[in-house]
Protein backbone atom coordinates (compact mmCIF):
# COMPACT_ATOMS: atom_id res chain seq x y z
CA UNK A 1 -90.48 -27.41 2.89
CA UNK A 2 -88.61 -24.73 5.28
CA UNK A 3 -87.46 -22.86 2.09
CA UNK A 4 -91.18 -22.63 0.63
CA UNK A 5 -92.29 -21.47 4.30
CA UNK A 6 -89.94 -18.87 4.62
CA UNK A 7 -90.53 -17.55 0.94
CA UNK A 8 -94.63 -18.00 1.62
CA UNK A 9 -93.86 -15.93 5.23
CA UNK A 10 -91.96 -12.91 3.33
CA UNK A 11 -94.67 -12.70 0.92
CA UNK A 12 -97.38 -12.04 3.52
CA UNK A 13 -94.86 -9.56 5.50
CA UNK A 14 -94.58 -7.76 2.38
CA UNK A 15 -98.42 -7.44 1.97
CA UNK A 16 -98.49 -5.92 5.58
CA UNK A 17 -96.22 -3.52 4.56
CA UNK A 18 -97.54 -2.20 1.26
CA UNK A 19 -100.98 -1.87 3.43
CA UNK A 20 -99.48 -0.03 6.18
CA UNK A 21 -97.60 2.55 3.60
CA UNK A 22 -101.09 2.97 1.75
CA UNK A 23 -102.76 4.23 4.97
CA UNK A 24 -100.28 6.51 5.90
CA UNK A 25 -100.39 8.11 2.45
CA UNK A 26 -104.39 7.90 2.79
CA UNK A 27 -103.97 9.68 6.60
CA UNK A 28 -101.77 12.43 5.01
CA UNK A 29 -104.25 13.18 2.45
CA UNK A 30 -106.98 13.89 4.72
CA UNK A 31 -104.90 15.54 7.23
CA UNK A 32 -103.89 17.76 4.19
CA UNK A 33 -107.53 18.57 2.97
CA UNK A 34 -108.38 19.31 6.94
CA UNK A 35 -105.62 21.65 7.29
CA UNK A 36 -106.45 23.41 3.90
CA UNK A 37 -109.88 24.16 4.70
CA UNK A 38 -108.94 25.86 8.13
CA UNK A 39 -106.68 28.21 6.39
CA UNK A 40 -109.06 28.77 3.84
CA UNK A 41 -111.92 29.54 6.71
CA UNK A 42 -109.61 32.09 8.38
CA UNK A 43 -109.20 34.12 5.04
CA UNK A 44 -112.97 34.18 3.97
CA UNK A 45 -114.19 34.54 7.85
CA UNK A 46 -111.48 35.86 9.55
CA UNK A 47 -112.13 32.89 12.12
CA UNK A 48 -111.67 29.27 12.34
CA UNK A 49 -114.94 27.86 13.02
CA UNK A 50 -117.43 25.17 11.48
CA UNK A 51 -119.37 27.69 9.25
CA UNK A 52 -116.04 29.32 7.81
CA UNK A 53 -114.93 25.56 7.35
CA UNK A 54 -118.18 24.61 5.87
CA UNK A 55 -117.88 27.49 3.26
CA UNK A 56 -114.24 27.04 2.39
CA UNK A 57 -115.50 23.11 1.38
CA UNK A 58 -118.61 24.45 -0.68
CA UNK A 59 -116.99 27.50 -2.14
CA UNK A 60 -112.96 27.02 -3.29
CA UNK A 61 -112.03 24.71 -6.09
CA UNK A 62 -109.06 24.38 -4.70
CA UNK A 63 -110.46 22.60 -1.82
CA UNK A 64 -112.57 20.41 -4.18
CA UNK A 65 -109.35 19.07 -5.91
CA UNK A 66 -107.81 18.37 -2.85
CA UNK A 67 -110.75 16.82 -1.66
CA UNK A 68 -110.16 13.91 -4.35
CA UNK A 69 -106.63 13.14 -3.17
CA UNK A 70 -107.79 10.36 -0.50
CA UNK A 71 -109.58 8.68 -3.46
CA UNK A 72 -106.86 8.86 -5.54
CA UNK A 73 -104.52 7.69 -2.95
CA UNK A 74 -106.47 4.98 -1.55
CA UNK A 75 -106.88 3.72 -5.64
CA UNK A 76 -103.59 4.06 -6.16
CA UNK A 77 -102.50 2.31 -3.28
CA UNK A 78 -104.70 -0.66 -3.50
CA UNK A 79 -103.70 -0.91 -7.32
CA UNK A 80 -100.21 -0.44 -6.40
CA UNK A 81 -100.08 -3.16 -3.50
CA UNK A 82 -102.19 -5.51 -5.56
CA UNK A 83 -99.52 -5.68 -8.38
CA UNK A 84 -96.56 -5.46 -5.93
CA UNK A 85 -97.99 -8.37 -4.18
CA UNK A 86 -98.62 -10.36 -7.28
CA UNK A 87 -94.93 -9.47 -8.50
CA UNK A 88 -94.13 -10.73 -5.01
CA UNK A 89 -96.07 -13.76 -5.46
CA UNK A 90 -94.77 -14.61 -8.77
CA UNK A 91 -91.12 -14.31 -7.36
CA UNK A 92 -91.95 -16.49 -4.61
CA UNK A 93 -93.21 -19.28 -6.81
CA UNK A 94 -90.43 -18.66 -9.30
CA UNK A 95 -87.69 -18.97 -6.46
CA UNK A 96 -89.39 -21.82 -4.80
CA UNK A 97 -89.72 -23.71 -8.29
CA UNK A 98 -85.65 -22.94 -8.69
CA UNK A 99 -84.68 -23.77 -4.95
CA UNK A 100 -86.82 -27.10 -5.50
CA UNK A 101 -84.78 -28.02 -8.73
CA UNK A 102 -81.50 -26.83 -7.24
CA UNK A 103 -82.32 -29.03 -3.90
CA UNK A 104 -83.19 -31.96 -6.10
CA UNK A 105 -80.09 -31.44 -8.24
CA UNK A 106 -77.92 -31.15 -4.85
CA UNK A 107 -79.09 -34.24 -3.53
CA UNK A 108 -78.88 -36.31 -6.88
CA UNK A 109 -75.26 -35.08 -6.64
CA UNK A 110 -74.63 -36.02 -3.17
CA UNK A 111 -76.12 -39.24 -3.32
CA UNK A 112 -73.79 -40.06 -6.73
CA UNK A 113 -70.73 -38.51 -4.85
CA UNK A 114 -71.48 -40.98 -1.86
CA UNK A 115 -72.06 -43.88 -3.97
CA UNK A 116 -68.89 -43.44 -6.25
CA UNK A 117 -65.39 -43.30 -6.14
CA UNK A 118 -64.05 -39.47 -6.23
CA UNK A 119 -60.86 -40.40 -8.50
CA UNK A 120 -61.96 -43.41 -10.84
CA UNK A 121 -65.86 -42.44 -10.94
CA UNK A 122 -66.44 -46.28 -10.65
CA UNK A 123 -69.07 -47.47 -8.17
CA UNK A 124 -67.66 -47.55 -4.73
CA UNK A 125 -68.51 -50.29 -1.95
CA UNK A 126 -71.69 -48.85 -0.74
CA UNK A 127 -73.23 -49.14 -4.54
CA UNK A 128 -71.42 -52.33 -5.23
CA UNK A 129 -73.19 -53.56 -2.21
CA UNK A 130 -76.44 -52.42 -3.20
CA UNK A 131 -75.83 -54.13 -6.60
CA UNK A 132 -74.61 -57.44 -5.20
CA UNK A 133 -78.18 -57.54 -3.24
CA UNK A 134 -80.40 -56.40 -6.40
CA UNK A 135 -78.87 -59.01 -8.47
CA UNK A 136 -79.11 -61.45 -5.52
CA UNK A 137 -82.73 -61.00 -5.86
CA UNK A 138 -83.21 -61.27 -9.12
CA UNK A 139 -81.48 -64.68 -9.63
CA UNK A 140 -83.30 -67.90 -9.78
CA UNK A 141 -82.78 -70.78 -7.52
CA UNK A 142 -80.83 -72.61 -10.25
CA UNK A 143 -78.64 -69.95 -11.26
CA UNK A 144 -75.31 -68.28 -9.50
CA UNK A 145 -73.45 -65.13 -9.28
CA UNK A 146 -69.96 -64.52 -8.50
CA UNK A 147 -68.37 -61.75 -7.07
CA UNK A 148 -64.48 -61.35 -7.68
CA UNK A 149 -62.12 -59.16 -5.78
CA UNK A 150 -59.06 -57.95 -7.43
CA UNK A 151 -56.05 -57.00 -5.48
CA UNK A 152 -53.28 -54.87 -7.51
CA UNK A 153 -50.15 -56.51 -6.62
CA UNK A 154 -47.11 -54.02 -5.33
CA UNK A 155 -49.08 -51.19 -6.06
CA UNK A 156 -47.63 -49.54 -2.85
CA UNK A 157 -44.08 -50.01 -4.11
CA UNK A 158 -45.30 -48.30 -7.39
CA UNK A 159 -46.92 -45.44 -5.40
CA UNK A 160 -43.69 -45.07 -3.37
CA UNK A 161 -41.30 -45.18 -6.45
CA UNK A 162 -43.23 -43.04 -8.77
CA UNK A 163 -45.13 -40.61 -6.54
CA UNK A 164 -48.82 -39.70 -6.28
CA UNK A 165 -49.41 -38.27 -9.96
CA UNK A 166 -47.73 -41.17 -11.83
CA UNK A 167 -49.39 -43.60 -9.64
CA UNK A 168 -52.90 -42.19 -10.26
CA UNK A 169 -52.00 -42.15 -14.23
CA UNK A 170 -51.46 -46.11 -13.69
CA UNK A 171 -54.69 -46.43 -11.59
CA UNK A 172 -56.27 -44.57 -14.25
CA UNK A 173 -55.31 -47.06 -17.31
CA UNK A 174 -56.03 -49.98 -15.19
CA UNK A 175 -59.80 -48.82 -15.05
CA UNK A 176 -59.90 -48.53 -18.62
CA UNK A 177 -58.45 -52.12 -19.19
CA UNK A 178 -61.15 -53.12 -16.56
CA UNK A 179 -63.86 -51.39 -18.48
CA UNK A 180 -62.93 -52.89 -21.81
CA UNK A 181 -62.44 -56.16 -20.23
CA UNK A 182 -65.88 -56.14 -19.13
CA UNK A 183 -67.01 -56.31 -23.15
CA UNK A 184 -64.89 -58.81 -24.28
CA UNK A 185 -66.19 -62.14 -25.65
CA UNK A 186 -64.98 -64.25 -22.79
CA UNK A 187 -66.76 -61.76 -20.36
CA UNK A 188 -70.11 -61.47 -22.04
CA UNK A 189 -70.05 -65.24 -22.54
CA UNK A 190 -69.39 -66.03 -18.92
CA UNK A 191 -72.85 -64.32 -17.60
CA UNK A 192 -76.32 -63.57 -18.96
CA UNK A 193 -76.83 -60.47 -16.93
CA UNK A 194 -75.10 -57.00 -16.95
CA UNK A 195 -71.32 -57.42 -15.42
CA UNK A 196 -70.30 -54.21 -13.39
CA UNK A 197 -66.99 -53.37 -11.74
CA UNK A 198 -66.30 -50.84 -8.60
CA UNK A 199 -63.29 -49.68 -6.87
CA UNK A 200 -63.92 -50.87 -3.14
CA UNK A 201 -60.54 -49.97 -1.35
CA UNK A 202 -57.44 -48.09 -2.33
CA UNK A 203 -55.62 -51.27 -4.86
CA UNK A 204 -58.90 -53.02 -4.46
CA UNK A 205 -61.04 -53.46 -7.42
CA UNK A 206 -64.63 -55.65 -7.66
CA UNK A 207 -66.32 -57.62 -10.52
CA UNK A 208 -70.17 -58.69 -10.15
CA UNK A 209 -71.23 -61.51 -12.30
CA UNK A 210 -74.98 -61.95 -12.00
CA UNK A 211 -76.18 -65.13 -13.57
CA UNK A 212 -73.30 -67.07 -14.17
CA UNK A 213 -72.93 -69.42 -17.35
CA UNK A 214 -72.92 -73.07 -16.02
CA UNK A 215 -71.08 -74.09 -19.39
CA UNK A 216 -68.49 -71.69 -18.69
CA UNK A 217 -65.10 -73.38 -16.65
CA UNK A 218 -64.78 -70.81 -14.08
CA UNK A 219 -60.76 -71.42 -13.06
CA UNK A 220 -60.31 -70.80 -16.80
CA UNK A 221 -62.33 -67.41 -16.42
CA UNK A 222 -60.49 -66.41 -13.56
CA UNK A 223 -56.95 -67.05 -15.11
CA UNK A 224 -58.17 -65.04 -18.08
CA UNK A 225 -59.18 -62.46 -15.80
CA UNK A 226 -55.64 -62.22 -14.23
CA UNK A 227 -54.00 -62.34 -17.48
CA UNK A 228 -56.02 -59.50 -18.89
CA UNK A 229 -55.27 -57.49 -15.87
CA UNK A 230 -51.40 -57.97 -16.78
CA UNK A 231 -50.57 -54.44 -17.44
CA UNK A 232 -47.13 -52.82 -18.84
CA UNK A 233 -46.60 -49.15 -18.28
CA UNK A 234 -44.01 -47.04 -19.07
CA UNK A 235 -43.39 -44.23 -16.52
CA UNK A 236 -40.85 -41.94 -16.53
CA UNK A 237 -38.67 -43.62 -18.94
CA UNK A 238 -39.09 -46.55 -16.61
CA UNK A 239 -40.74 -49.93 -17.46
CA UNK A 240 -43.40 -51.03 -14.72
CA UNK A 241 -45.84 -54.11 -14.51
CA UNK A 242 -49.33 -54.48 -12.90
CA UNK A 243 -50.38 -57.88 -11.91
CA UNK A 244 -53.61 -58.76 -9.75
CA UNK A 245 -54.39 -61.61 -7.35
CA UNK A 246 -58.14 -62.56 -7.47
CA UNK A 247 -60.22 -64.14 -4.98
CA UNK A 248 -63.95 -65.30 -6.07
CA UNK A 249 -66.93 -65.91 -4.03
CA UNK A 250 -69.81 -67.88 -5.70
CA UNK A 251 -73.66 -67.43 -4.56
CA UNK A 252 -75.19 -69.21 -2.72
CA UNK A 253 -72.35 -71.55 -1.78
CA UNK A 254 -70.10 -68.65 -0.50
CA UNK A 255 -72.60 -66.69 1.10
CA UNK A 256 -76.35 -65.24 -0.02
CA UNK A 257 -75.71 -61.68 1.10
CA UNK A 258 -73.37 -58.69 -0.13
CA UNK A 259 -71.22 -58.48 2.80
CA UNK A 260 -70.71 -62.00 3.00
CA UNK A 261 -70.08 -62.43 -0.31
CA UNK A 262 -67.34 -59.65 -0.15
CA UNK A 263 -65.81 -60.58 2.93
CA UNK A 264 -65.20 -64.22 1.49
CA UNK A 265 -64.17 -62.97 -1.88
CA UNK A 266 -61.09 -61.03 0.47
CA UNK A 267 -60.48 -64.06 2.26
CA UNK A 268 -59.82 -65.91 -1.25
CA UNK A 269 -57.25 -63.15 -1.84
CA UNK A 270 -55.27 -63.36 1.43
CA UNK A 271 -55.65 -67.49 0.82
CA UNK A 272 -54.20 -66.96 -2.89
CA UNK A 273 -51.37 -64.64 -1.74
CA UNK A 274 -50.06 -66.96 0.92
CA UNK A 275 -50.26 -69.96 -1.24
CA UNK A 276 -48.56 -67.82 -3.74
CA UNK A 277 -51.15 -68.52 -6.46
CA UNK A 278 -52.77 -65.89 -9.08
CA UNK A 279 -56.39 -66.66 -7.83
CA UNK A 280 -58.34 -68.37 -5.44
CA UNK A 281 -62.16 -69.68 -5.11
CA UNK A 282 -63.82 -69.26 -1.41
CA UNK A 283 -64.73 -72.29 0.34
CA UNK A 284 -65.44 -72.87 4.07
CA UNK A 285 -61.68 -75.17 4.10
CA UNK A 286 -59.84 -71.44 4.35
CA UNK A 287 -61.33 -70.58 7.58
CA UNK A 288 -59.82 -73.92 8.92
CA UNK A 289 -56.44 -72.78 7.44
CA UNK A 290 -56.61 -69.52 9.16
CA UNK A 291 -57.59 -71.54 12.54
CA UNK A 292 -54.52 -73.38 11.80
CA UNK A 293 -52.31 -70.52 11.07
CA UNK A 294 -53.56 -68.99 14.49
CA UNK A 295 -52.54 -72.67 16.26
CA UNK A 296 -48.87 -72.70 14.56
CA UNK A 297 -48.73 -68.86 15.54
CA UNK A 298 -49.50 -69.53 19.33
CA UNK A 299 -46.88 -72.40 19.37
CA UNK A 300 -44.00 -70.26 17.31
CA UNK A 301 -44.75 -67.69 20.03
CA UNK A 302 -43.88 -70.09 22.63
CA UNK A 303 -40.91 -71.25 20.81
CA UNK A 304 -39.24 -67.84 20.28
CA UNK A 305 -40.05 -67.05 23.98
CA UNK A 306 -38.45 -70.33 24.81
CA UNK A 307 -35.67 -69.95 22.46
CA UNK A 308 -36.65 -73.23 20.84
CA UNK A 309 -35.81 -71.83 17.34
CA UNK A 310 -33.47 -74.55 15.64
CA UNK A 311 -31.22 -72.66 13.31
CA UNK A 312 -29.74 -74.54 10.35
CA UNK A 313 -27.03 -73.64 7.73
CA UNK A 314 -27.13 -74.17 4.05
CA UNK A 315 -23.67 -73.89 2.29
CA UNK A 316 -22.98 -71.03 -0.29
CA UNK A 317 -20.11 -72.44 -2.63
CA UNK A 318 -17.58 -71.02 -5.22
CA UNK A 319 -19.14 -72.75 -8.48
CA UNK A 320 -15.81 -73.11 -10.14
CA UNK A 321 -14.18 -75.27 -7.25
CA UNK A 322 -16.93 -76.11 -5.04
CA UNK A 323 -15.43 -74.72 -1.83
CA UNK A 324 -17.70 -73.10 0.80
CA UNK A 325 -17.53 -69.27 1.45
CA UNK A 326 -20.63 -68.80 3.52
CA UNK A 327 -24.03 -70.48 4.60
CA UNK A 328 -27.37 -68.94 4.73
CA UNK A 329 -29.14 -69.29 8.12
CA UNK A 330 -32.15 -70.93 8.16
CA UNK A 331 -34.61 -71.50 11.22
CA UNK A 332 -37.37 -73.90 12.12
CA UNK A 333 -39.43 -75.12 15.06
CA UNK A 334 -40.95 -78.34 15.26
CA UNK A 335 -45.02 -77.66 16.43
CA UNK A 336 -46.37 -80.58 18.55
CA UNK A 337 -49.05 -81.16 15.97
CA UNK A 338 -47.89 -80.05 12.69
CA UNK A 339 -44.67 -81.23 12.66
CA UNK A 340 -41.57 -79.31 11.32
CA UNK A 341 -42.41 -75.76 10.31
CA UNK A 342 -39.69 -73.99 8.12
CA UNK A 343 -38.85 -70.06 7.83
CA UNK A 344 -40.60 -69.25 4.78
CA UNK A 345 -43.95 -70.72 6.48
CA UNK A 346 -43.41 -69.23 9.97
CA UNK A 347 -42.11 -66.00 8.49
CA UNK A 348 -45.39 -65.24 6.74
CA UNK A 349 -47.30 -66.22 9.91
CA UNK A 350 -45.68 -63.58 11.82
CA UNK A 351 -45.08 -60.85 9.40
CA UNK A 352 -46.93 -57.88 11.11
CA UNK A 353 -46.48 -58.68 14.59
CA UNK A 354 -44.20 -57.59 17.32
CA UNK A 355 -43.02 -61.29 17.40
CA UNK A 356 -40.95 -60.19 13.98
CA UNK A 357 -38.68 -58.19 16.13
CA UNK A 358 -38.29 -61.05 18.87
CA UNK A 359 -37.17 -63.49 16.28
CA UNK A 360 -34.90 -61.32 14.59
CA UNK A 361 -33.04 -60.44 17.60
CA UNK A 362 -32.67 -64.18 18.57
CA UNK A 363 -31.69 -65.21 15.17
CA UNK A 364 -29.15 -62.32 14.46
CA UNK A 365 -27.67 -62.97 17.92
CA UNK A 366 -27.22 -66.98 17.16
CA UNK A 367 -25.74 -66.39 13.99
CA UNK A 368 -23.31 -63.84 15.70
CA UNK A 369 -22.12 -66.62 18.03
CA UNK A 370 -21.64 -69.40 15.30
CA UNK A 371 -19.75 -66.97 13.18
CA UNK A 372 -17.48 -66.67 16.13
CA UNK A 373 -16.76 -70.50 16.56
CA UNK A 374 -16.26 -70.74 12.71
CA UNK A 375 -13.68 -68.16 12.58
CA UNK A 376 -12.01 -69.43 15.56
CA UNK A 377 -11.46 -72.71 13.94
CA UNK A 378 -10.27 -70.78 10.81
CA UNK A 379 -12.89 -70.63 8.64
CA UNK A 380 -13.29 -67.19 7.33
CA UNK A 381 -17.07 -67.54 6.02
CA UNK A 382 -19.60 -65.18 5.99
CA UNK A 383 -23.18 -65.84 7.51
CA UNK A 384 -26.08 -64.60 5.64
CA UNK A 385 -29.76 -64.12 7.00
CA UNK A 386 -32.93 -63.22 5.88
CA UNK A 387 -34.83 -60.42 7.51
CA UNK A 388 -38.46 -59.29 6.97
CA UNK A 389 -40.16 -55.69 5.73
CA UNK A 390 -40.18 -54.86 9.61
CA UNK A 391 -36.93 -55.30 9.93
CA UNK A 392 -36.18 -52.86 6.81
CA UNK A 393 -37.69 -50.06 8.74
CA UNK A 394 -36.59 -50.62 12.32
CA UNK A 395 -34.72 -47.73 12.94
CA UNK A 396 -33.20 -49.52 16.10
CA UNK A 397 -31.97 -52.35 13.93
CA UNK A 398 -28.50 -50.76 12.99
CA UNK A 399 -27.38 -49.97 16.49
CA UNK A 400 -28.27 -53.47 17.40
CA UNK A 401 -26.01 -55.03 14.60
CA UNK A 402 -23.65 -52.57 15.60
CA UNK A 403 -23.31 -53.61 19.28
CA UNK A 404 -24.00 -57.30 18.33
CA UNK A 405 -20.46 -57.08 15.83
CA UNK A 406 -18.29 -55.12 18.43
CA UNK A 407 -19.50 -57.52 21.28
CA UNK A 408 -18.30 -60.61 19.19
CA UNK A 409 -15.64 -58.81 17.47
CA UNK A 410 -16.79 -59.81 14.24
CA UNK A 411 -15.88 -57.85 11.12
CA UNK A 412 -19.39 -56.32 9.13
CA UNK A 413 -18.30 -58.03 6.05
CA UNK A 414 -18.77 -61.55 7.06
CA UNK A 415 -22.67 -60.62 7.85
CA UNK A 416 -24.95 -60.37 4.85
CA UNK A 417 -28.34 -59.35 5.52
CA UNK A 418 -31.10 -60.50 3.10
CA UNK A 419 -34.24 -58.51 2.21
CA UNK A 420 -36.68 -59.36 -0.38
CA UNK A 421 -38.03 -56.72 -3.03
CA UNK A 422 -40.82 -55.79 -1.33
CA UNK A 423 -39.08 -54.98 1.86
CA UNK A 424 -37.17 -51.93 0.20
CA UNK A 425 -40.12 -50.59 -1.58
CA UNK A 426 -42.93 -50.98 0.97
CA UNK A 427 -41.99 -47.45 2.69
CA UNK A 428 -39.06 -46.40 0.72
CA UNK A 429 -38.53 -43.20 2.77
CA UNK A 430 -38.07 -45.50 5.62
CA UNK A 431 -36.08 -48.34 4.57
CA UNK A 432 -33.84 -46.78 2.53
CA UNK A 433 -32.55 -44.83 5.58
CA UNK A 434 -32.32 -47.90 7.60
CA UNK A 435 -30.21 -49.62 5.08
CA UNK A 436 -28.00 -46.81 4.42
CA UNK A 437 -27.20 -46.81 8.25
CA UNK A 438 -26.53 -50.92 7.86
CA UNK A 439 -24.49 -50.13 5.03
CA UNK A 440 -22.27 -47.29 6.52
CA UNK A 441 -21.73 -50.17 9.38
CA UNK A 442 -20.30 -52.29 6.48
CA UNK A 443 -22.57 -54.99 6.54
CA UNK A 444 -23.34 -56.27 3.09
CA UNK A 445 -27.20 -55.91 2.07
CA UNK A 446 -28.39 -58.45 -0.50
CA UNK A 447 -31.72 -59.07 -2.15
CA UNK A 448 -33.03 -62.51 -2.51
CA UNK A 449 -35.64 -64.01 -4.71
CA UNK A 450 -34.38 -60.87 -7.38
CA UNK A 451 -36.82 -60.76 -10.42
CA UNK A 452 -39.99 -62.46 -8.12
CA UNK A 453 -41.41 -59.22 -7.79
CA UNK A 454 -41.68 -55.91 -10.07
CA UNK A 455 -39.88 -52.77 -10.54
CA UNK A 456 -36.80 -54.95 -9.80
CA UNK A 457 -34.14 -52.81 -11.27
CA UNK A 458 -35.01 -49.62 -9.64
CA UNK A 459 -33.97 -49.86 -6.24
CA UNK A 460 -30.53 -51.20 -7.15
CA UNK A 461 -29.75 -47.74 -7.98
CA UNK A 462 -31.44 -45.92 -4.82
CA UNK A 463 -30.73 -48.42 -2.11
CA UNK A 464 -26.91 -49.54 -1.10
CA UNK A 465 -27.39 -53.43 -2.51
CA UNK A 466 -23.84 -55.10 -3.02
CA UNK A 467 -25.44 -58.63 -3.74
CA UNK A 468 -28.27 -60.32 -5.41
CA UNK A 469 -29.75 -63.53 -4.75
CA UNK A 470 -31.53 -64.94 -8.23
CA UNK A 471 -34.81 -66.21 -7.58
CA UNK A 472 -35.16 -69.96 -7.41
CA UNK A 473 -37.51 -70.68 -9.65
CA UNK A 474 -35.41 -69.00 -12.52
CA UNK A 475 -32.65 -71.32 -11.56
CA UNK A 476 -34.30 -74.45 -11.26
CA UNK A 477 -36.11 -73.89 -14.69
CA UNK A 478 -33.43 -72.37 -16.78
CA UNK A 479 -32.30 -75.45 -18.69
CA UNK A 480 -35.51 -76.41 -19.94
CA UNK A 481 -37.26 -72.93 -20.44
CA UNK A 482 -34.94 -70.72 -22.67
CA UNK A 483 -36.85 -67.48 -21.65
CA UNK A 484 -35.66 -68.19 -18.09
CA UNK A 485 -32.44 -69.00 -19.32
CA UNK A 486 -32.31 -65.72 -21.19
CA UNK A 487 -33.46 -63.77 -18.09
CA UNK A 488 -31.13 -65.43 -15.93
CA UNK A 489 -28.10 -64.25 -18.08
CA UNK A 490 -29.28 -60.92 -18.49
CA UNK A 491 -29.58 -60.55 -14.74
CA UNK A 492 -25.87 -61.75 -14.36
CA UNK A 493 -24.46 -59.43 -17.15
CA UNK A 494 -26.10 -56.32 -15.54
CA UNK A 495 -25.11 -57.22 -11.98
CA UNK A 496 -21.58 -57.51 -13.46
CA UNK A 497 -22.11 -53.68 -15.00
CA UNK A 498 -23.42 -52.42 -11.71
CA UNK A 499 -20.19 -54.34 -9.98
CA UNK A 500 -22.94 -56.52 -7.80
CA UNK A 501 -21.89 -60.02 -6.54
CA UNK A 502 -24.78 -62.44 -8.05
CA UNK A 503 -25.63 -65.62 -6.11
CA UNK A 504 -27.98 -68.42 -7.49
CA UNK A 505 -30.04 -69.90 -5.49
CA UNK A 506 -31.56 -73.44 -6.90
CA UNK A 507 -28.60 -75.11 -8.11
CA UNK A 508 -29.66 -78.56 -7.89
CA UNK A 509 -27.48 -80.64 -10.72
CA UNK A 510 -24.35 -80.53 -12.71
CA UNK A 511 -25.86 -78.76 -15.71
CA UNK A 512 -27.27 -75.82 -14.07
CA UNK A 513 -23.85 -75.19 -12.22
CA UNK A 514 -22.33 -75.45 -15.85
CA UNK A 515 -24.65 -73.00 -17.52
CA UNK A 516 -24.29 -70.66 -14.93
CA UNK A 517 -20.45 -70.62 -15.05
CA UNK A 518 -20.84 -69.88 -18.79
CA UNK A 519 -23.02 -67.17 -17.94
CA UNK A 520 -20.32 -65.82 -15.49
CA UNK A 521 -22.04 -66.40 -12.36
CA UNK A 522 -19.52 -67.03 -9.71
CA UNK A 523 -21.56 -68.58 -6.42
CA UNK A 524 -24.28 -70.74 -5.65
CA UNK A 525 -26.04 -72.75 -3.27
CA UNK A 526 -28.69 -75.85 -3.55
CA UNK A 527 -29.05 -79.40 -2.95
CA UNK A 528 -26.51 -80.28 -5.50
CA UNK A 529 -23.84 -79.52 -2.82
CA UNK A 530 -25.93 -79.67 0.52
CA UNK A 531 -29.20 -79.19 2.00
CA UNK A 532 -29.65 -77.25 5.08
CA UNK A 533 -28.01 -78.96 8.09
CA UNK A 534 -27.29 -78.51 11.64
CA UNK A 535 -24.31 -76.32 12.75
CA UNK A 536 -22.54 -79.48 14.13
CA UNK A 537 -22.80 -80.94 10.46
CA UNK A 538 -21.88 -78.02 8.89
CA UNK A 539 -18.61 -77.79 10.74
CA UNK A 540 -17.97 -80.92 9.95
CA UNK A 541 -17.87 -80.26 6.20
CA UNK A 542 -15.93 -77.05 6.87
CA UNK A 543 -13.40 -79.14 8.67
CA UNK A 544 -13.38 -81.99 5.59
CA UNK A 545 -13.01 -78.84 3.26
CA UNK A 546 -16.12 -80.61 1.41
CA UNK A 547 -16.26 -79.85 -2.60
CA UNK A 548 -18.00 -80.88 -5.42
């Protein structure tokens, strides 16, 4: 409206200017006639008077011609003004239409950009929310719809390792796979409406399945989606795997509006990851789990502050002789309501909080003191301790450990710091500096649960790793699963090539022990040798020279 108004106003002003100059031309013409008549009057009579002026007007042909000029000026001025104004109005009309078109086109473009992800061109969270609302309004009382969130696993690690360009290329391929999946038979059979996908956050995508088919098994559908979104790529000659964790929220049970459904689907993703499962379907009990976690976290905070964390030790042995060569320190605490809570459970509770640093400090200090006792008793063994992702990027950690070793007069090779793959890859720029500093101290850096994640072989070259501990489930299932057995064998051979020590975690029978020895693995731990025991019981095992 503002543009139209301004253009119309400009047209009116143009008319005023044209009329103004037409009047000026007319005035000049009349003035010229008057002056010419006075001059001719003087020439005829010798005087400038009315009689001479009239005689000039009636007798001089040149004056007659000049008398016509005002009429010519008036006619020309009005015609020119009319033509110019018509041209101006036509221009204004054309320009108005052009601007209206451009304004509408710009409005459409801005609307599209506000509702779509710039990089993938998929609907964003805003448009996806509108699509959910529309789908809810269309479903009948007896029907259901599902919102499924797909979270890419370890995408930050891929971005950190391969850079922005390559990680974006992986995203594009993943989006292509999602689009292809929408028109596969199992997806088309799952609903009686039009499925849609969206990118709701950086590494989070969403599916909308309106009017679910009641004859399908929803768990089977989710499992099929997980399998379909497990992709393999080659980036810069390196094999990369992409997998997803899915969380589903079904309307109306999990909510009857877009915000509730998306939030509950995200809760289901979080729950699945905590339980180490590929997918989860939201239910109200998940909220109870979060409440339980908060209660346990509060109890853990109190235990850390009061130094009530109990540390147990599980022996690491030489597979050939059964001789104890070291111990893994495992923390636990007793909650008054939930009983004994182990390391793996409470680390996941406090990861991301400042309690991690307090726990790490407590564990390292106590393990160092225990090492001193073992060495004084003549048992020159190592102690290993699991650290978190936060520890891997903590710039203060190398200084703390250096002071701890110096104060207790412990040789650094007797301390093994274990990190998981995520710790190395989550913030590579920071973690590589911290781990290099620790390595320069002489401390042994190890990767535990090796091969439980993705891109597992990349950091073995980039990071100062000296030891790998093979993921427990691979060891436990290697006898009955030939594929896993081959994987274990390949890991051991690769480690030997890279001159890395290999520990097997999960040795629970003699058959596994013998198979590992055949593959060339020298060290292991597991229930076959000993469960985790108190410091007193562990010292007794050392003193007895326990072998098996």
